[in-house]
Amino acid sequence: MNPDISLTPAPGTVPRRTFLRRALGAGIALSGLATLTCGYGLWEASRIKLRRSDITLPNLPRAFAGKTIAVLGDFHRGPFVGAGFIRQAASLANSLAPDIIALVGDFVNKGTHTGEHLASCLDALRDLRAPLGIFAVPGNHDMQNDGQVYRSVVRDYPLTDLTNRAVRVSAHGESMWLAGVDDLWWGQPDLAAALREVPAGAALVLLSHNPDFAEESPDSRVGLVLSGHMHGGQIYLPALGLNYQPSRYGSKYRRGLVQGPASQVFITCGVGTAGVPLRINCPPEINLLSLHCL
């Protein structure tokens, strides 16, 4: 051995065994943290919250003051969301005794090109009850075969599809209107067609899966837009850079009641999950909106 070569580590140098031991410990700690995070995300995704909000709707007739709308969306029936979980959501919605139910799209998860998962989702929602009606529009994940699957299946279920159309809802001799549009990304939304029969000055609620529609087609005749699509971010940790928002307007329409250019917009965080079966800081929810006069 060359007497000029020292095997003693230089001052401040971590010995190889110590380095490996520390690296292994750090790896185990990070793995444990990832496991805990995933476990929590799975747990949060399985706990549906019931959230209540008061909404002032322009031109609302007195007969509708205090009437309620349950908003549900983003079920994403597919590999991560089973029919049983959607039935649970329907049961919770019924427990709120809403007057109207609005289903704001994404009944299935993308990649399902047959009606099997759509029918399964709608079967799970079949027991929904609302005396003034159950209304729906499709979302971007429902646009298989240009939306033909959605349109062919949804007609067999006890709900009213509002794709580019409106219906009058009456109570005690007075009326309000519910309208809807096709999906903004993959459908053919036509607000003019949707509102063609709505009289001037009517109280009007519009269903649009994507809240960006309120920015891109503003219309002062619409008193309230009901949307989903955003999942509240699904995994919402902005401090760590986890803040994905599928919107041209950043986090503006992430969740809750937002003022758009011409209308109020209410965005539900939705029921299911897409991409990964996790939710963090935005649990699944059903929203009950109580309507009030100006």
C-alpha atoms as a PDB file:
ATOM      1  CA  MET A   1       0.000   0.000   0.000  1.00  0.00           C
ATOM      2  CA  ASN A   2       1.249   3.436  -0.865  1.00  0.00           C
ATOM      3  CA  PRO A   3       1.974   5.176   2.467  1.00  0.00           C
ATOM      4  CA  ASP A   4       0.924   8.503   0.930  1.00  0.00           C
ATOM      5  CA  ILE A   5      -2.679   7.326   0.375  1.00  0.00           C
ATOM      6  CA  SER A   6      -4.999   7.832   3.361  1.00  0.00           C
ATOM      7  CA  LEU A   7      -8.194   5.876   3.859  1.00  0.00           C
ATOM      8  CA  THR A   8      -9.433   8.323   6.474  1.00  0.00           C
ATOM      9  CA  PRO A   9     -12.346  10.480   5.179  1.00  0.00           C
ATOM     10  CA  ALA A  10     -11.534  14.144   4.671  1.00  0.00           C
ATOM     11  CA  PRO A  11     -12.920  16.506   7.302  1.00  0.00           C
ATOM     12  CA  GLY A  12     -16.648  17.147   6.709  1.00  0.00           C
ATOM     13  CA  THR A  13     -17.043  14.108   4.437  1.00  0.00           C
ATOM     14  CA  VAL A  14     -19.802  11.643   5.324  1.00  0.00           C
ATOM     15  CA  PRO A  15     -18.540   8.048   5.367  1.00  0.00           C
ATOM     16  CA  ARG A  16     -20.068   5.842   2.665  1.00  0.00           C
ATOM     17  CA  ARG A  17     -21.871   3.550   5.116  1.00  0.00           C
ATOM     18  CA  THR A  18     -23.337   6.528   6.971  1.00  0.00           C
ATOM     19  CA  PHE A  19     -24.454   8.101   3.696  1.00  0.00           C
ATOM     20  CA  LEU A  20     -26.150   4.893   2.558  1.00  0.00           C
ATOM     21  CA  ARG A  21     -27.840   4.455   5.929  1.00  0.00           C
ATOM     22  CA  ARG A  22     -29.148   8.020   5.847  1.00  0.00           C
ATOM     23  CA  ALA A  23     -30.279   7.684   2.230  1.00  0.00           C
ATOM     24  CA  LEU A  24     -32.122   4.471   3.047  1.00  0.00           C
ATOM     25  CA  GLY A  25     -33.782   6.140   6.014  1.00  0.00           C
ATOM     26  CA  ALA A  26     -34.822   9.117   3.906  1.00  0.00           C
ATOM     27  CA  GLY A  27     -36.213   6.788   1.237  1.00  0.00           C
ATOM     28  CA  ILE A  28     -38.239   4.880   3.804  1.00  0.00           C
ATOM     29  CA  ALA A  29     -39.555   8.143   5.278  1.00  0.00           C
ATOM     30  CA  LEU A  30     -40.557   9.473   1.844  1.00  0.00           C
ATOM     31  CA  SER A  31     -42.177   6.163   0.946  1.00  0.00           C
ATOM     32  CA  GLY A  32     -44.099   6.230   4.215  1.00  0.00           C
ATOM     33  CA  LEU A  33     -45.198   9.808   3.588  1.00  0.00           C
ATOM     34  CA  ALA A  34     -46.370   8.908   0.088  1.00  0.00           C
ATOM     35  CA  THR A  35     -48.287   5.935   1.483  1.00  0.00           C
ATOM     36  CA  LEU A  36     -49.947   8.080   4.120  1.00  0.00           C
ATOM     37  CA  THR A  37     -50.822  10.741   1.543  1.00  0.00           C
ATOM     38  CA  CYS A  38     -52.360   8.194  -0.809  1.00  0.00           C
ATOM     39  CA  GLY A  39     -54.225   6.590   2.066  1.00  0.00           C
ATOM     40  CA  TYR A  40     -55.640   9.921   3.131  1.00  0.00           C
ATOM     41  CA  GLY A  41     -56.544  10.788  -0.476  1.00  0.00           C
ATOM     42  CA  LEU A  42     -58.459   7.527  -0.827  1.00  0.00           C
ATOM     43  CA  TRP A  43     -60.233   8.140   2.480  1.00  0.00           C
ATOM     44  CA  GLU A  44     -61.234  11.711   1.575  1.00  0.00           C
ATOM     45  CA  ALA A  45     -62.488  10.600  -1.844  1.00  0.00           C
ATOM     46  CA  SER A  46     -64.880   8.173  -0.119  1.00  0.00           C
ATOM     47  CA  ARG A  47     -66.530  10.736   2.205  1.00  0.00           C
ATOM     48  CA  ILE A  48     -69.295  12.749   0.510  1.00  0.00           C
ATOM     49  CA  LYS A  49     -70.032  16.115   2.103  1.00  0.00           C
ATOM     50  CA  LEU A  50     -73.418  17.859   2.069  1.00  0.00           C
ATOM     51  CA  ARG A  51     -73.028  21.593   1.559  1.00  0.00           C
ATOM     52  CA  ARG A  52     -75.791  24.208   1.708  1.00  0.00           C
ATOM     53  CA  SER A  53     -75.740  27.640   0.100  1.00  0.00           C
ATOM     54  CA  ASP A  54     -78.178  30.520  -0.287  1.00  0.00           C
ATOM     55  CA  ILE A  55     -78.533  31.969  -3.784  1.00  0.00           C
ATOM     56  CA  THR A  56     -80.326  35.171  -4.742  1.00  0.00           C
ATOM     57  CA  LEU A  57     -81.820  34.665  -8.218  1.00  0.00           C
ATOM     58  CA  PRO A  58     -82.904  37.664 -10.312  1.00  0.00           C
ATOM     59  CA  ASN A  59     -86.609  37.766 -11.273  1.00  0.00           C
ATOM     60  CA  LEU A  60     -87.430  34.822  -9.002  1.00  0.00           C
ATOM     61  CA  PRO A  61     -91.212  34.594  -8.418  1.00  0.00           C
ATOM     62  CA  ARG A  62     -92.355  34.560  -4.793  1.00  0.00           C
ATOM     63  CA  ALA A  63     -93.696  31.045  -5.231  1.00  0.00           C
ATOM     64  CA  PHE A  64     -90.119  29.819  -5.674  1.00  0.00           C
ATOM     65  CA  ALA A  65     -88.618  31.632  -2.702  1.00  0.00           C
ATOM     66  CA  GLY A  66     -87.113  28.946  -0.474  1.00  0.00           C
ATOM     67  CA  LYS A  67     -87.229  26.262  -3.170  1.00  0.00           C
ATOM     68  CA  THR A  68     -84.074  24.179  -3.367  1.00  0.00           C
ATOM     69  CA  ILE A  69     -81.865  22.750  -6.091  1.00  0.00           C
ATOM     70  CA  ALA A  70     -79.549  19.815  -5.393  1.00  0.00           C
ATOM     71  CA  VAL A  71     -76.483  19.956  -7.631  1.00  0.00           C
ATOM     72  CA  LEU A  72     -74.556  16.763  -8.413  1.00  0.00           C
ATOM     73  CA  GLY A  73     -71.951  16.102 -11.071  1.00  0.00           C
ATOM     74  CA  ASP A  74     -68.693  14.498 -12.126  1.00  0.00           C
ATOM     75  CA  PHE A  75     -69.676  10.977 -11.144  1.00  0.00           C
ATOM     76  CA  HIS A  76     -67.032   9.455 -13.466  1.00  0.00           C
ATOM     77  CA  ARG A  77     -68.480   5.958 -13.314  1.00  0.00           C
ATOM     78  CA  GLY A  78     -65.604   3.730 -14.367  1.00  0.00           C
ATOM     79  CA  PRO A  79     -62.611   1.874 -12.966  1.00  0.00           C
ATOM     80  CA  PHE A  80     -62.275   4.073  -9.875  1.00  0.00           C
ATOM     81  CA  VAL A  81     -65.928   4.876  -9.119  1.00  0.00           C
ATOM     82  CA  GLY A  82     -68.441   2.088  -8.621  1.00  0.00           C
ATOM     83  CA  ALA A  83     -72.204   2.090  -8.917  1.00  0.00           C
ATOM     84  CA  GLY A  84     -72.565   1.600  -5.154  1.00  0.00           C
ATOM     85  CA  PHE A  85     -70.819   4.884  -4.428  1.00  0.00           C
ATOM     86  CA  ILE A  86     -73.105   6.686  -6.874  1.00  0.00           C
ATOM     87  CA  ARG A  87     -76.156   5.082  -5.246  1.00  0.00           C
ATOM     88  CA  GLN A  88     -74.885   6.421  -1.928  1.00  0.00           C
ATOM     89  CA  ALA A  89     -74.718   9.894  -3.454  1.00  0.00           C
ATOM     90  CA  ALA A  90     -78.276   9.559  -4.745  1.00  0.00           C
ATOM     91  CA  SER A  91     -79.493   8.497  -1.311  1.00  0.00           C
ATOM     92  CA  LEU A  92     -77.791  11.462   0.329  1.00  0.00           C
ATOM     93  CA  ALA A  93     -79.309  13.806  -2.239  1.00  0.00           C
ATOM     94  CA  ASN A  94     -82.778  12.419  -1.545  1.00  0.00           C
ATOM     95  CA  SER A  95     -82.246  12.947   2.185  1.00  0.00           C
ATOM     96  CA  LEU A  96     -82.064  16.701   1.463  1.00  0.00           C
ATOM     97  CA  ALA A  97     -85.595  16.621  -0.031  1.00  0.00           C
ATOM     98  CA  PRO A  98     -84.713  18.991  -2.898  1.00  0.00           C
ATOM     99  CA  ASP A  99     -87.387  20.524  -5.101  1.00  0.00           C
ATOM    100  CA  ILE A 100     -85.185  20.281  -8.207  1.00  0.00           C
ATOM    101  CA  ILE A 101     -82.127  18.160  -8.991  1.00  0.00           C
ATOM    102  CA  ALA A 102     -79.472  19.341 -11.465  1.00  0.00           C
ATOM    103  CA  LEU A 103     -76.999  16.781 -12.833  1.00  0.00           C
ATOM    104  CA  VAL A 104     -74.172  18.753 -14.423  1.00  0.00           C
ATOM    105  CA  GLY A 105     -72.373  16.124 -16.477  1.00  0.00           C
ATOM    106  CA  ASP A 106     -69.455  13.679 -16.608  1.00  0.00           C
ATOM    107  CA  PHE A 107     -71.541  10.649 -15.765  1.00  0.00           C
ATOM    108  CA  VAL A 108     -68.768   8.348 -17.002  1.00  0.00           C
ATOM    109  CA  ASN A 109     -64.993   8.354 -17.208  1.00  0.00           C
ATOM    110  CA  LYS A 110     -63.372   8.902 -20.599  1.00  0.00           C
ATOM    111  CA  GLY A 111     -62.337   5.851 -22.540  1.00  0.00           C
ATOM    112  CA  THR A 112     -65.697   4.114 -22.106  1.00  0.00           C
ATOM    113  CA  HIS A 113     -66.987   3.956 -25.690  1.00  0.00           C
ATOM    114  CA  THR A 114     -70.087   1.890 -25.003  1.00  0.00           C
ATOM    115  CA  GLY A 115     -73.144   2.750 -22.968  1.00  0.00           C
ATOM    116  CA  GLU A 116     -72.365   0.180 -20.255  1.00  0.00           C
ATOM    117  CA  HIS A 117     -70.903   2.547 -17.671  1.00  0.00           C
ATOM    118  CA  LEU A 118     -73.335   5.321 -18.570  1.00  0.00           C
ATOM    119  CA  ALA A 119     -76.291   2.995 -18.066  1.00  0.00           C
ATOM    120  CA  SER A 120     -74.741   1.777 -14.811  1.00  0.00           C
ATOM    121  CA  CYS A 121     -74.402   5.354 -13.565  1.00  0.00           C
ATOM    122  CA  LEU A 122     -77.930   6.306 -14.557  1.00  0.00           C
ATOM    123  CA  ASP A 123     -79.278   3.090 -12.994  1.00  0.00           C
ATOM    124  CA  ALA A 124     -77.583   4.115  -9.744  1.00  0.00           C
ATOM    125  CA  LEU A 125     -79.272   7.524  -9.994  1.00  0.00           C
ATOM    126  CA  ARG A 126     -82.680   6.136 -10.912  1.00  0.00           C
ATOM    127  CA  ASP A 127     -84.081   6.532  -7.386  1.00  0.00           C
ATOM    128  CA  LEU A 128     -83.442  10.285  -7.272  1.00  0.00           C
ATOM    129  CA  ARG A 129     -86.598  12.187  -6.341  1.00  0.00           C
ATOM    130  CA  ALA A 130     -87.507  15.847  -6.814  1.00  0.00           C
ATOM    131  CA  PRO A 131     -91.102  17.078  -7.192  1.00  0.00           C
ATOM    132  CA  LEU A 132     -90.242  19.774  -9.757  1.00  0.00           C
ATOM    133  CA  GLY A 133     -87.979  17.582 -11.856  1.00  0.00           C
ATOM    134  CA  ILE A 134     -84.526  16.109 -12.460  1.00  0.00           C
ATOM    135  CA  PHE A 135     -82.482  17.792 -15.201  1.00  0.00           C
ATOM    136  CA  ALA A 136     -79.168  16.928 -16.849  1.00  0.00           C
ATOM    137  CA  VAL A 137     -76.527  17.995 -19.339  1.00  0.00           C
ATOM    138  CA  PRO A 138     -73.504  16.035 -20.603  1.00  0.00           C
ATOM    139  CA  GLY A 139     -69.872  16.714 -19.751  1.00  0.00           C
ATOM    140  CA  ASN A 140     -66.703  16.321 -21.769  1.00  0.00           C
ATOM    141  CA  HIS A 141     -66.229  12.725 -20.585  1.00  0.00           C
ATOM    142  CA  ASP A 142     -69.710  11.885 -21.916  1.00  0.00           C
ATOM    143  CA  MET A 143     -68.833  12.808 -25.499  1.00  0.00           C
ATOM    144  CA  GLN A 144     -68.057   9.300 -26.758  1.00  0.00           C
ATOM    145  CA  ASN A 145     -68.921   9.034 -30.458  1.00  0.00           C
ATOM    146  CA  ASP A 146     -69.704  12.764 -30.550  1.00  0.00           C
ATOM    147  CA  GLY A 147     -72.227  12.395 -27.742  1.00  0.00           C
ATOM    148  CA  GLN A 148     -74.338   9.802 -29.541  1.00  0.00           C
ATOM    149  CA  VAL A 149     -73.907   7.292 -26.704  1.00  0.00           C
ATOM    150  CA  TYR A 150     -75.106   9.822 -24.134  1.00  0.00           C
ATOM    151  CA  ARG A 151     -78.124  10.881 -26.184  1.00  0.00           C
ATOM    152  CA  SER A 152     -79.175   7.326 -26.984  1.00  0.00           C
ATOM    153  CA  VAL A 153     -78.930   6.091 -23.381  1.00  0.00           C
ATOM    154  CA  VAL A 154     -80.202   9.062 -21.391  1.00  0.00           C
ATOM    155  CA  ARG A 155     -83.617   9.019 -23.064  1.00  0.00           C
ATOM    156  CA  ASP A 156     -84.433   5.758 -21.278  1.00  0.00           C
ATOM    157  CA  TYR A 157     -84.203   7.294 -17.804  1.00  0.00           C
ATOM    158  CA  PRO A 158     -86.618   9.430 -15.747  1.00  0.00           C
ATOM    159  CA  LEU A 159     -84.828  12.730 -16.153  1.00  0.00           C
ATOM    160  CA  THR A 160     -84.961  15.652 -18.574  1.00  0.00           C
ATOM    161  CA  ASP A 161     -81.961  16.182 -20.828  1.00  0.00           C
ATOM    162  CA  LEU A 162     -81.447  19.927 -21.295  1.00  0.00           C
ATOM    163  CA  THR A 163     -78.863  19.822 -24.083  1.00  0.00           C
ATOM    164  CA  ASN A 164     -79.401  23.136 -25.916  1.00  0.00           C
ATOM    165  CA  ARG A 165     -82.981  23.508 -24.709  1.00  0.00           C
ATOM    166  CA  ALA A 166     -85.072  24.920 -21.868  1.00  0.00           C
ATOM    167  CA  VAL A 167     -88.141  23.878 -19.901  1.00  0.00           C
ATOM    168  CA  ARG A 168     -90.603  25.817 -17.785  1.00  0.00           C
ATOM    169  CA  VAL A 169     -91.053  24.782 -14.151  1.00  0.00           C
ATOM    170  CA  SER A 170     -94.229  25.888 -12.391  1.00  0.00           C
ATOM    171  CA  ALA A 171     -95.346  26.227  -8.769  1.00  0.00           C
ATOM    172  CA  HIS A 172     -98.530  27.831  -7.438  1.00  0.00           C
ATOM    173  CA  GLY A 173     -99.310  29.440 -10.772  1.00  0.00           C
ATOM    174  CA  GLU A 174     -95.852  31.019 -11.229  1.00  0.00           C
ATOM    175  CA  SER A 175     -92.902  29.878 -13.329  1.00  0.00           C
ATOM    176  CA  MET A 176     -89.138  29.833 -13.654  1.00  0.00           C
ATOM    177  CA  TRP A 177     -87.009  28.279 -16.382  1.00  0.00           C
ATOM    178  CA  LEU A 178     -84.205  25.732 -16.483  1.00  0.00           C
ATOM    179  CA  ALA A 179     -82.010  25.537 -19.563  1.00  0.00           C
ATOM    180  CA  GLY A 180     -78.853  23.719 -20.551  1.00  0.00           C
ATOM    181  CA  VAL A 181     -76.096  23.593 -23.137  1.00  0.00           C
ATOM    182  CA  ASP A 182     -73.913  20.910 -24.645  1.00  0.00           C
ATOM    183  CA  ASP A 183     -70.339  20.456 -23.425  1.00  0.00           C
ATOM    184  CA  LEU A 184     -68.050  23.394 -24.148  1.00  0.00           C
ATOM    185  CA  TRP A 185     -64.985  21.338 -25.120  1.00  0.00           C
ATOM    186  CA  TRP A 186     -66.337  18.429 -27.147  1.00  0.00           C
ATOM    187  CA  GLY A 187     -69.985  19.212 -27.747  1.00  0.00           C
ATOM    188  CA  GLN A 188     -71.815  21.899 -29.693  1.00  0.00           C
ATOM    189  CA  PRO A 189     -73.208  24.325 -27.100  1.00  0.00           C
ATOM    190  CA  ASP A 190     -75.910  26.581 -28.544  1.00  0.00           C
ATOM    191  CA  LEU A 191     -77.156  29.160 -26.065  1.00  0.00           C
ATOM    192  CA  ALA A 192     -79.400  30.847 -28.615  1.00  0.00           C
ATOM    193  CA  ALA A 193     -81.250  27.583 -29.214  1.00  0.00           C
ATOM    194  CA  ALA A 194     -81.411  26.887 -25.486  1.00  0.00           C
ATOM    195  CA  LEU A 195     -83.018  30.233 -24.693  1.00  0.00           C
ATOM    196  CA  ARG A 196     -85.221  30.548 -27.785  1.00  0.00           C
ATOM    197  CA  GLU A 197     -88.478  29.923 -25.902  1.00  0.00           C
ATOM    198  CA  VAL A 198     -87.551  31.654 -22.636  1.00  0.00           C
ATOM    199  CA  PRO A 199     -89.530  34.895 -22.253  1.00  0.00           C
ATOM    200  CA  ALA A 200     -87.812  38.166 -21.407  1.00  0.00           C
ATOM    201  CA  GLY A 201     -87.575  38.840 -17.689  1.00  0.00           C
ATOM    202  CA  ALA A 202     -87.919  35.199 -16.665  1.00  0.00           C
ATOM    203  CA  ALA A 203     -86.015  33.694 -13.745  1.00  0.00           C
ATOM    204  CA  LEU A 204     -83.496  31.443 -15.479  1.00  0.00           C
ATOM    205  CA  VAL A 205     -80.997  28.816 -14.321  1.00  0.00           C
ATOM    206  CA  LEU A 206     -78.603  27.381 -16.918  1.00  0.00           C
ATOM    207  CA  LEU A 207     -76.798  24.035 -16.653  1.00  0.00           C
ATOM    208  CA  SER A 208     -73.340  23.971 -18.269  1.00  0.00           C
ATOM    209  CA  HIS A 209     -70.826  21.309 -17.317  1.00  0.00           C
ATOM    210  CA  ASN A 210     -67.870  23.608 -17.917  1.00  0.00           C
ATOM    211  CA  PRO A 211     -67.996  26.933 -16.020  1.00  0.00           C
ATOM    212  CA  ASP A 212     -65.816  28.590 -18.673  1.00  0.00           C
ATOM    213  CA  PHE A 213     -68.985  28.805 -20.749  1.00  0.00           C
ATOM    214  CA  ALA A 214     -70.107  31.707 -18.545  1.00  0.00           C
ATOM    215  CA  GLU A 215     -67.015  33.631 -19.671  1.00  0.00           C
ATOM    216  CA  GLU A 216     -67.123  32.708 -23.328  1.00  0.00           C
ATOM    217  CA  SER A 217     -70.884  33.149 -23.882  1.00  0.00           C
ATOM    218  CA  PRO A 218     -72.038  35.693 -21.281  1.00  0.00           C
ATOM    219  CA  ASP A 219     -75.756  36.492 -21.304  1.00  0.00           C
ATOM    220  CA  SER A 220     -77.478  38.753 -18.791  1.00  0.00           C
ATOM    221  CA  ARG A 221     -80.740  36.812 -19.192  1.00  0.00           C
ATOM    222  CA  VAL A 222     -79.110  33.948 -17.248  1.00  0.00           C
ATOM    223  CA  GLY A 223     -79.444  34.511 -13.514  1.00  0.00           C
ATOM    224  CA  LEU A 224     -77.387  31.503 -12.429  1.00  0.00           C
ATOM    225  CA  VAL A 225     -75.134  28.962 -14.140  1.00  0.00           C
ATOM    226  CA  LEU A 226     -74.692  25.538 -12.522  1.00  0.00           C
ATOM    227  CA  SER A 227     -71.445  23.750 -13.375  1.00  0.00           C
ATOM    228  CA  GLY A 228     -68.943  21.101 -12.320  1.00  0.00           C
ATOM    229  CA  HIS A 229     -65.871  19.966 -14.276  1.00  0.00           C
ATOM    230  CA  MET A 230     -63.254  21.432 -11.916  1.00  0.00           C
ATOM    231  CA  HIS A 231     -63.407  18.830  -9.091  1.00  0.00           C
ATOM    232  CA  GLY A 232     -62.256  21.654  -6.807  1.00  0.00           C
ATOM    233  CA  GLY A 233     -58.777  20.775  -8.095  1.00  0.00           C
ATOM    234  CA  GLN A 234     -59.225  17.162  -6.845  1.00  0.00           C
ATOM    235  CA  ILE A 235     -55.737  17.257  -5.310  1.00  0.00           C
ATOM    236  CA  TYR A 236     -55.480  20.846  -4.143  1.00  0.00           C
ATOM    237  CA  LEU A 237     -52.089  21.629  -2.607  1.00  0.00           C
ATOM    238  CA  PRO A 238     -51.105  24.947  -4.228  1.00  0.00           C
ATOM    239  CA  ALA A 239     -48.133  25.415  -1.902  1.00  0.00           C
ATOM    240  CA  LEU A 240     -46.623  22.270  -3.460  1.00  0.00           C
ATOM    241  CA  GLY A 241     -47.632  23.220  -6.986  1.00  0.00           C
ATOM    242  CA  LEU A 242     -50.536  20.735  -7.044  1.00  0.00           C
ATOM    243  CA  ASN A 243     -53.330  22.956  -8.291  1.00  0.00           C
ATOM    244  CA  TYR A 244     -54.487  21.639 -11.654  1.00  0.00           C
ATOM    245  CA  GLN A 245     -57.468  23.541 -12.975  1.00  0.00           C
ATOM    246  CA  PRO A 246     -58.936  22.513 -16.374  1.00  0.00           C
ATOM    247  CA  SER A 247     -59.947  26.082 -17.134  1.00  0.00           C
ATOM    248  CA  ARG A 248     -58.708  28.995 -19.217  1.00  0.00           C
ATOM    249  CA  TYR A 249     -59.352  31.213 -16.197  1.00  0.00           C
ATOM    250  CA  GLY A 250     -57.103  29.582 -13.641  1.00  0.00           C
ATOM    251  CA  SER A 251     -58.642  29.053 -10.215  1.00  0.00           C
ATOM    252  CA  LYS A 252     -61.480  31.556 -10.658  1.00  0.00           C
ATOM    253  CA  TYR A 253     -64.077  28.821 -11.104  1.00  0.00           C
ATOM    254  CA  ARG A 254     -62.511  26.235  -8.792  1.00  0.00           C
ATOM    255  CA  ARG A 255     -65.572  25.822  -6.571  1.00  0.00           C
ATOM    256  CA  GLY A 256     -68.568  27.531  -4.966  1.00  0.00           C
ATOM    257  CA  LEU A 257     -70.376  30.704  -5.974  1.00  0.00           C
ATOM    258  CA  VAL A 258     -68.472  33.000  -8.351  1.00  0.00           C
ATOM    259  CA  GLN A 259     -69.522  36.139 -10.201  1.00  0.00           C
ATOM    260  CA  GLY A 260     -69.017  35.759 -13.951  1.00  0.00           C
ATOM    261  CA  PRO A 261     -69.132  38.526 -16.573  1.00  0.00           C
ATOM    262  CA  ALA A 262     -72.938  38.476 -16.811  1.00  0.00           C
ATOM    263  CA  SER A 263     -74.173  35.788 -14.414  1.00  0.00           C
ATOM    264  CA  GLN A 264     -73.543  34.112 -11.116  1.00  0.00           C
ATOM    265  CA  VAL A 265     -71.855  30.732 -11.488  1.00  0.00           C
ATOM    266  CA  PHE A 266     -72.025  27.923  -8.942  1.00  0.00           C
ATOM    267  CA  ILE A 267     -69.450  25.133  -9.293  1.00  0.00           C
ATOM    268  CA  THR A 268     -69.777  21.853  -7.434  1.00  0.00           C
ATOM    269  CA  CYS A 269     -66.662  19.830  -6.556  1.00  0.00           C
ATOM    270  CA  GLY A 270     -68.514  16.767  -7.810  1.00  0.00           C
ATOM    271  CA  VAL A 271     -68.856  13.199  -6.600  1.00  0.00           C
ATOM    272  CA  GLY A 272     -66.261  11.031  -8.327  1.00  0.00           C
ATOM    273  CA  THR A 273     -62.620  11.204  -9.355  1.00  0.00           C
ATOM    274  CA  ALA A 274     -60.729  11.204 -12.643  1.00  0.00           C
ATOM    275  CA  GLY A 275     -57.122  10.319 -13.395  1.00  0.00           C
ATOM    276  CA  VAL A 276     -56.350   9.010  -9.908  1.00  0.00           C
ATOM    277  CA  PRO A 277     -58.857   7.836  -7.262  1.00  0.00           C
ATOM    278  CA  LEU A 278     -57.692  10.455  -4.755  1.00  0.00           C
ATOM    279  CA  ARG A 279     -58.999  13.734  -3.361  1.00  0.00           C
ATOM    280  CA  ILE A 280     -57.070  16.092  -1.085  1.00  0.00           C
ATOM    281  CA  ASN A 281     -58.506  19.367   0.263  1.00  0.00           C
ATOM    282  CA  CYS A 282     -61.627  19.060  -1.886  1.00  0.00           C
ATOM    283  CA  PRO A 283     -63.842  16.157  -0.777  1.00  0.00           C
ATOM    284  CA  PRO A 284     -66.702  14.924  -2.944  1.00  0.00           C
ATOM    285  CA  GLU A 285     -69.842  16.919  -2.369  1.00  0.00           C
ATOM    286  CA  ILE A 286     -73.534  17.345  -2.994  1.00  0.00           C
ATOM    287  CA  ASN A 287     -74.726  20.926  -2.936  1.00  0.00           C
ATOM    288  CA  LEU A 288     -78.154  22.121  -1.871  1.00  0.00           C
ATOM    289  CA  LEU A 289     -78.922  25.630  -3.087  1.00  0.00           C
ATOM    290  CA  SER A 290     -81.779  27.565  -1.517  1.00  0.00           C
ATOM    291  CA  LEU A 291     -83.253  30.173  -3.874  1.00  0.00           C
ATOM    292  CA  HIS A 292     -84.162  33.656  -2.669  1.00  0.00           C
ATOM    293  CA  CYS A 293     -85.714  36.752  -4.261  1.00  0.00           C
ATOM    294  CA  LEU A 294     -83.831  39.971  -4.722  1.00  0.00           C
END
